[in-house]
Protein backbone atom coordinates (compact mmCIF):
# COMPACT_ATOMS: atom_id res chain seq x y z
CA UNK A 1 9.70 -15.06 5.20
CA UNK A 2 8.11 -17.50 7.61
CA UNK A 3 5.44 -14.98 8.61
CA UNK A 4 4.59 -14.33 4.98
CA UNK A 5 4.45 -18.06 4.23
CA UNK A 6 2.14 -18.68 7.19
CA UNK A 7 -0.37 -16.08 6.03
CA UNK A 8 -1.27 -18.01 2.94
CA UNK A 9 -2.74 -16.68 -0.27
CA UNK A 10 -3.91 -13.06 -0.26
CA UNK A 11 -7.56 -12.66 -1.14
CA UNK A 12 -9.66 -9.50 -1.04
CA UNK A 13 -12.90 -9.65 -2.95
CA UNK A 14 -14.62 -6.84 -4.79
CA UNK A 15 -17.80 -7.44 -2.80
CA UNK A 16 -15.98 -7.05 0.50
CA UNK A 17 -14.40 -3.86 -0.77
CA UNK A 18 -17.74 -2.36 -1.79
CA UNK A 19 -19.48 -3.37 1.46
CA UNK A 20 -16.70 -1.80 3.52
CA UNK A 21 -16.82 1.37 1.40
CA UNK A 22 -20.60 1.67 1.82
CA UNK A 23 -20.48 1.00 5.55
CA UNK A 24 -17.80 3.64 5.89
CA UNK A 25 -19.73 6.12 3.78
CA UNK A 26 -23.16 5.75 5.45
CA UNK A 27 -22.50 4.46 8.98
CA UNK A 28 -19.03 5.71 9.88
CA UNK A 29 -20.23 7.70 12.87
CA UNK A 30 -22.11 4.73 14.37
CA UNK A 31 -19.56 2.03 13.68
CA UNK A 32 -16.24 3.81 14.24
CA UNK A 33 -15.76 2.25 17.71
CA UNK A 34 -16.63 -1.30 16.70
CA UNK A 35 -13.69 -3.71 16.55
CA UNK A 36 -14.96 -5.60 13.49
CA UNK A 37 -15.42 -2.34 11.58
CA UNK A 38 -11.90 -1.18 12.45
CA UNK A 39 -10.58 -4.53 11.21
CA UNK A 40 -12.48 -4.12 7.92
CA UNK A 41 -11.15 -0.60 7.46
CA UNK A 42 -7.57 -1.68 8.18
CA UNK A 43 -7.92 -4.46 5.62
CA UNK A 44 -9.29 -2.00 3.04
CA UNK A 45 -6.43 0.47 3.66
CA UNK A 46 -3.87 -2.34 3.43
CA UNK A 47 -5.41 -3.43 0.11
CA UNK A 48 -5.30 0.12 -1.29
CA UNK A 49 -1.66 0.53 -0.27
CA UNK A 50 -0.71 -2.83 -1.80
CA UNK A 51 -2.52 -1.92 -5.04
CA UNK A 52 -0.62 1.37 -5.29
CA UNK A 53 2.71 -0.35 -4.67
CA UNK A 54 1.94 -2.94 -7.33
CA UNK A 55 0.99 -0.22 -9.82
CA UNK A 56 4.32 1.52 -9.14
CA UNK A 57 6.21 -1.72 -9.76
CA UNK A 58 4.37 -2.29 -13.01
CA UNK A 59 5.27 1.25 -14.14
CA UNK A 60 8.96 0.54 -13.53
CA UNK A 61 8.76 -2.74 -15.42
CA UNK A 62 7.10 -0.98 -18.38
CA UNK A 63 9.80 1.69 -18.36
CA UNK A 64 12.56 -0.92 -18.48
CA UNK A 65 10.70 -2.74 -21.26
CA UNK A 66 10.47 0.43 -23.36
CA UNK A 67 14.16 1.20 -22.80
CA UNK A 68 15.14 -2.28 -23.97
CA UNK A 69 13.00 -1.96 -27.08
CA UNK A 70 14.57 1.42 -27.83
CA UNK A 71 18.06 -0.01 -27.52
CA UNK A 72 17.15 -2.92 -29.76
CA UNK A 73 15.64 -0.62 -32.40
CA UNK A 74 18.68 1.65 -32.34
CA UNK A 75 20.87 -1.37 -33.04
CA UNK A 76 18.52 -2.55 -35.74
CA UNK A 77 17.90 0.71 -37.59
CA UNK A 78 21.09 2.75 -37.17
CA UNK A 79 24.17 2.13 -39.26
CA UNK A 80 27.41 1.04 -37.62
CA UNK A 81 29.01 4.49 -37.52
CA UNK A 82 25.75 6.03 -36.19
CA UNK A 83 25.63 3.48 -33.35
CA UNK A 84 29.22 4.40 -32.46
CA UNK A 85 28.22 8.07 -32.19
CA UNK A 86 25.28 7.28 -29.93
CA UNK A 87 27.48 5.43 -27.43
CA UNK A 88 29.91 8.35 -27.25
CA UNK A 89 27.02 10.74 -26.45
CA UNK A 90 25.91 8.51 -23.58
CA UNK A 91 29.27 8.99 -21.84
CA UNK A 92 28.85 12.76 -21.68
């Protein structure tokens, strides 16, 4: 936790992303041994990985949201005896 707190706010601009992508696309062979270029590429890869992980989390949150809405609608629309039947089907 302390390491994360010491890093500060995460910031990765679109411009930096595009510049790194273009440098990698056009000058990869010339710059692959440069330390600053390796650092830029590591930062770009870390950003891509973090974006994918965040998208996965958002998908899970949306799934839970839809499930809760479905449960609420089943309680709202179904009659009492129909709701009782639905709960017995969930057990099996």
